[in-house]
């Protein structure tokens, strides 16, 4: 009996590592389907990855009911469900109680971490000015604010920074203003959101990440970009 893998992500307007791992896992499956709560932009990016995508709102009072209805209409004989967004755990459990196909659906434990295919990017010359890249969603916990402060202390050294990501204006504006106050804003490229972060890795000397086990770190590793968690190891 053929098994269909269902990879669930709660990303809505913003693409996160959950959508990345869901997409890669579905691509690697014999038959994989991504069940996404995402906006049209998120859904389009998933579909461009060549996988079947089911759009389903998974927040609010009707979350489990909505998901159960979506699960009933996915073709297949036997299903394995993988949760990529931990906050969906209760929603999925509730949906399985309602779905009516529970005997054919198995909720798998743990967040799957698929293999990240190797990607070729342009690497800098050995004597090039260091170009550091930061990638992710800009949030109060992302570490970008601290990175800007640390670079301000190293303004006398050669470096450039490429920031790839977006965030709420209330979070981003103070970081931009601080970079200007430190006199380093002209050395920072604010690239914004990119649906293909690997294109942004061309010419990058080093990547700075908060967690070496994060999806972002794995993306840099797939492109053979040197990865660091501590700026002092780079400059």
Protein backbone atom coordinates (compact mmCIF):
# COMPACT_ATOMS: atom_id res chain seq x y z
CA UNK A 1 0.00 0.00 0.00
CA UNK A 2 1.46 3.34 -1.06
CA UNK A 3 2.27 5.84 1.66
CA UNK A 4 1.64 9.55 1.21
CA UNK A 5 3.69 11.88 3.38
CA UNK A 6 1.88 14.99 4.58
CA UNK A 7 4.16 17.81 5.70
CA UNK A 8 2.38 20.52 7.70
CA UNK A 9 3.53 24.09 8.23
CA UNK A 10 1.83 27.00 10.00
CA UNK A 11 3.72 29.76 8.15
CA UNK A 12 1.24 32.43 7.06
CA UNK A 13 2.59 35.66 5.52
CA UNK A 14 6.24 34.97 6.32
CA UNK A 15 8.37 32.11 4.99
CA UNK A 16 10.36 30.44 7.77
CA UNK A 17 12.50 27.36 8.21
CA UNK A 18 9.32 25.32 8.70
CA UNK A 19 8.29 25.91 5.09
CA UNK A 20 11.83 25.16 3.91
CA UNK A 21 11.98 21.79 5.66
CA UNK A 22 8.41 20.91 4.64
CA UNK A 23 9.24 21.61 0.99
CA UNK A 24 12.51 19.67 1.00
CA UNK A 25 10.95 16.71 2.82
CA UNK A 26 8.03 16.59 0.39
CA UNK A 27 10.42 16.76 -2.56
CA UNK A 28 12.38 13.81 -1.19
CA UNK A 29 9.32 11.65 -0.48
CA UNK A 30 7.96 9.02 -2.84
CA UNK A 31 4.76 11.00 -2.69
CA UNK A 32 4.82 14.12 -0.58
CA UNK A 33 2.19 16.78 -0.01
CA UNK A 34 2.70 20.07 1.84
CA UNK A 35 -0.29 21.25 3.87
CA UNK A 36 0.27 24.96 4.36
CA UNK A 37 -1.50 27.79 6.16
CA UNK A 38 0.43 30.24 4.01
CA UNK A 39 -0.57 33.28 2.03
CA UNK A 40 -0.65 33.15 -1.78
CA UNK A 41 3.05 34.13 -1.88
CA UNK A 42 4.03 31.25 0.41
CA UNK A 43 1.81 28.81 -1.51
CA UNK A 44 3.29 29.95 -4.84
CA UNK A 45 6.84 29.44 -3.59
CA UNK A 46 5.96 25.94 -2.40
CA UNK A 47 4.36 25.04 -5.72
CA UNK A 48 7.37 26.34 -7.63
CA UNK A 49 9.28 23.67 -5.71
CA UNK A 50 7.37 21.07 -7.71
CA UNK A 51 5.29 19.53 -4.94
CA UNK A 52 1.55 19.17 -4.38
CA UNK A 53 0.31 21.82 -1.97
CA UNK A 54 -2.94 21.92 -0.02
CA UNK A 55 -3.86 25.34 1.32
CA UNK A 56 -5.57 25.21 4.71
CA UNK A 57 -6.11 27.88 7.40
CA UNK A 58 -4.81 26.39 10.66
CA UNK A 59 -5.37 29.05 13.29
CA UNK A 60 -8.30 30.09 15.41
CA UNK A 61 -11.27 28.22 16.81
CA UNK A 62 -11.93 26.24 13.61
CA UNK A 63 -8.32 25.20 12.97
CA UNK A 64 -8.76 21.49 13.70
CA UNK A 65 -12.04 21.35 11.79
CA UNK A 66 -10.50 23.05 8.76
CA UNK A 67 -7.57 20.67 8.78
CA UNK A 68 -9.78 17.59 9.16
CA UNK A 69 -11.75 18.66 6.10
CA UNK A 70 -8.56 19.16 4.11
CA UNK A 71 -7.20 15.76 5.14
CA UNK A 72 -10.39 14.00 4.02
CA UNK A 73 -9.93 15.21 0.46
CA UNK A 74 -6.28 14.28 -0.09
CA UNK A 75 -6.00 11.24 -2.34
CA UNK A 76 -4.14 8.25 -0.95
CA UNK A 77 -4.41 4.93 0.88
CA UNK A 78 -2.14 5.43 3.87
CA UNK A 79 -0.73 8.65 5.31
CA UNK A 80 2.15 9.72 7.52
CA UNK A 81 1.85 13.21 9.02
CA UNK A 82 4.93 15.29 9.83
CA UNK A 83 4.62 18.53 11.80
CA UNK A 84 7.17 21.19 10.82
CA UNK A 85 5.65 23.98 12.94
CA UNK A 86 5.50 22.82 16.60
CA UNK A 87 2.54 25.09 17.37
CA UNK A 88 0.39 22.88 15.14
CA UNK A 89 0.60 19.88 17.49
CA UNK A 90 -2.76 20.43 19.18
CA UNK A 91 -4.45 21.39 15.91
CA UNK A 92 -3.28 18.20 14.23
CA UNK A 93 -4.29 16.03 17.18
CA UNK A 94 -7.75 17.58 17.11
CA UNK A 95 -8.05 17.10 13.36
CA UNK A 96 -7.18 13.42 13.62
CA UNK A 97 -10.01 12.95 16.10
CA UNK A 98 -12.42 14.45 13.55
CA UNK A 99 -11.09 13.24 10.25
CA UNK A 100 -12.74 9.82 10.02
CA UNK A 101 -9.67 8.29 8.36
CA UNK A 102 -7.67 7.96 11.55
CA UNK A 103 -6.87 4.28 11.03
CA UNK A 104 -5.00 5.22 7.85
CA UNK A 105 -3.19 8.24 9.28
CA UNK A 106 -0.10 8.04 11.46
CA UNK A 107 1.26 11.10 13.23
CA UNK A 108 5.05 10.80 13.13
CA UNK A 109 7.09 12.01 16.08
CA UNK A 110 9.71 14.74 15.87
CA UNK A 111 10.36 17.44 13.32
CA UNK A 112 11.98 15.93 10.23
CA UNK A 113 15.21 17.50 9.05
CA UNK A 114 15.64 16.62 5.37
CA UNK A 115 18.88 16.65 3.44
CA UNK A 116 19.77 20.01 1.94
CA UNK A 117 20.97 19.51 -1.66
CA UNK A 118 24.32 21.02 -2.56
CA UNK A 119 24.18 24.39 -4.30
CA UNK A 120 26.91 26.07 -6.34
CA UNK A 121 27.52 29.76 -5.59
CA UNK A 122 30.32 32.16 -6.53
CA UNK A 123 32.97 32.30 -3.83
CA UNK A 124 35.08 35.43 -3.25
CA UNK A 125 38.73 35.84 -4.09
CA UNK A 126 41.13 35.11 -1.24
CA UNK A 127 42.12 38.78 -0.95
CA UNK A 128 38.59 40.20 -1.22
CA UNK A 129 37.19 42.47 1.47
CA UNK A 130 35.20 40.27 3.89
CA UNK A 131 31.51 40.13 2.96
CA UNK A 132 29.42 38.77 5.83
CA UNK A 133 25.87 37.58 5.28
CA UNK A 134 23.00 37.44 7.75
CA UNK A 135 19.85 35.58 6.68
CA UNK A 136 16.49 35.25 8.38
CA UNK A 137 13.35 36.96 9.60
CA UNK A 138 14.17 40.14 11.50
CA UNK A 139 12.63 39.78 14.96
CA UNK A 140 13.61 41.02 18.44
CA UNK A 141 15.15 37.58 19.07
CA UNK A 142 16.94 37.20 15.73
CA UNK A 143 20.28 38.59 16.92
CA UNK A 144 20.61 41.15 14.12
CA UNK A 145 20.49 44.10 16.52
CA UNK A 146 23.42 42.70 18.53
CA UNK A 147 25.33 42.01 15.32
CA UNK A 148 24.99 45.66 14.24
CA UNK A 149 26.34 46.78 17.63
CA UNK A 150 29.33 44.46 17.33
CA UNK A 151 30.09 45.66 13.81
CA UNK A 152 29.94 49.25 15.04
CA UNK A 153 32.82 48.48 17.40
CA UNK A 154 34.77 47.10 14.43
CA UNK A 155 34.24 50.08 12.14
CA UNK A 156 38.02 50.49 11.77
CA UNK A 157 38.32 47.07 10.09
CA UNK A 158 37.47 46.11 6.47
CA UNK A 159 34.10 44.40 6.15
CA UNK A 160 30.72 44.60 4.47
CA UNK A 161 27.43 43.10 5.61
CA UNK A 162 24.57 41.72 3.51
CA UNK A 163 21.27 41.40 5.39
CA UNK A 164 18.73 39.13 3.66
CA UNK A 165 15.34 39.11 5.34
CA UNK A 166 12.42 41.20 6.39
CA UNK A 167 10.55 42.09 9.54
CA UNK A 168 7.99 44.31 11.19
CA UNK A 169 8.74 48.02 10.80
CA UNK A 170 8.70 48.53 14.58
CA UNK A 171 11.59 46.07 14.83
CA UNK A 172 13.51 46.98 11.68
CA UNK A 173 13.41 50.80 11.94
CA UNK A 174 15.40 51.03 15.21
CA UNK A 175 18.04 48.69 13.77
CA UNK A 176 18.37 50.85 10.66
CA UNK A 177 18.60 53.98 12.78
CA UNK A 178 21.26 52.43 14.99
CA UNK A 179 23.37 51.46 11.98
CA UNK A 180 23.19 55.08 10.80
CA UNK A 181 24.10 56.39 14.26
CA UNK A 182 27.13 54.09 14.35
CA UNK A 183 28.23 55.38 10.94
CA UNK A 184 28.20 51.94 9.31
CA UNK A 185 24.98 51.97 7.29
CA UNK A 186 26.82 52.60 4.01
CA UNK A 187 28.67 49.33 4.52
CA UNK A 188 25.46 47.35 4.90
CA UNK A 189 23.40 46.01 2.00
CA UNK A 190 19.77 45.67 3.10
CA UNK A 191 18.67 43.11 0.51
CA UNK A 192 15.21 42.44 1.95
CA UNK A 193 13.27 39.23 1.43
CA UNK A 194 14.48 36.75 -1.17
CA UNK A 195 12.61 33.68 -2.39
CA UNK A 196 16.00 32.25 -3.42
CA UNK A 197 18.51 32.97 -0.64
CA UNK A 198 21.24 31.05 -2.46
CA UNK A 199 21.47 33.80 -5.09
CA UNK A 200 22.30 36.20 -2.26
CA UNK A 201 25.24 34.01 -1.19
CA UNK A 202 27.34 34.84 -4.27
CA UNK A 203 30.57 36.51 -3.20
CA UNK A 204 29.96 35.93 0.51
CA UNK A 205 33.04 35.30 2.66
CA UNK A 206 31.30 34.13 5.83
CA UNK A 207 27.85 33.65 7.32
CA UNK A 208 26.86 34.65 10.83
CA UNK A 209 24.09 32.57 12.45
CA UNK A 210 22.55 32.32 15.88
CA UNK A 211 22.31 28.52 15.95
CA UNK A 212 24.54 26.06 14.09
CA UNK A 213 21.65 23.56 13.98
CA UNK A 214 19.20 26.01 12.41
CA UNK A 215 17.71 25.74 8.94
CA UNK A 216 19.59 28.91 7.95
CA UNK A 217 22.90 27.32 8.96
CA UNK A 218 22.08 24.27 6.86
CA UNK A 219 21.33 26.48 3.86
CA UNK A 220 24.72 28.16 4.17
CA UNK A 221 26.38 24.75 4.56
CA UNK A 222 24.67 23.53 1.39
CA UNK A 223 26.40 26.38 -0.46
CA UNK A 224 29.75 25.72 1.27
CA UNK A 225 29.76 29.17 2.87
CA UNK A 226 31.84 29.24 6.10
CA UNK A 227 29.50 29.57 9.08
CA UNK A 228 30.13 31.24 12.44
CA UNK A 229 28.09 32.09 15.50
CA UNK A 230 30.67 34.53 16.89
CA UNK A 231 31.70 37.64 14.97
CA UNK A 232 35.12 37.66 16.67
CA UNK A 233 35.92 34.47 14.77
CA UNK A 234 35.46 36.36 11.50
CA UNK A 235 36.89 39.83 12.25
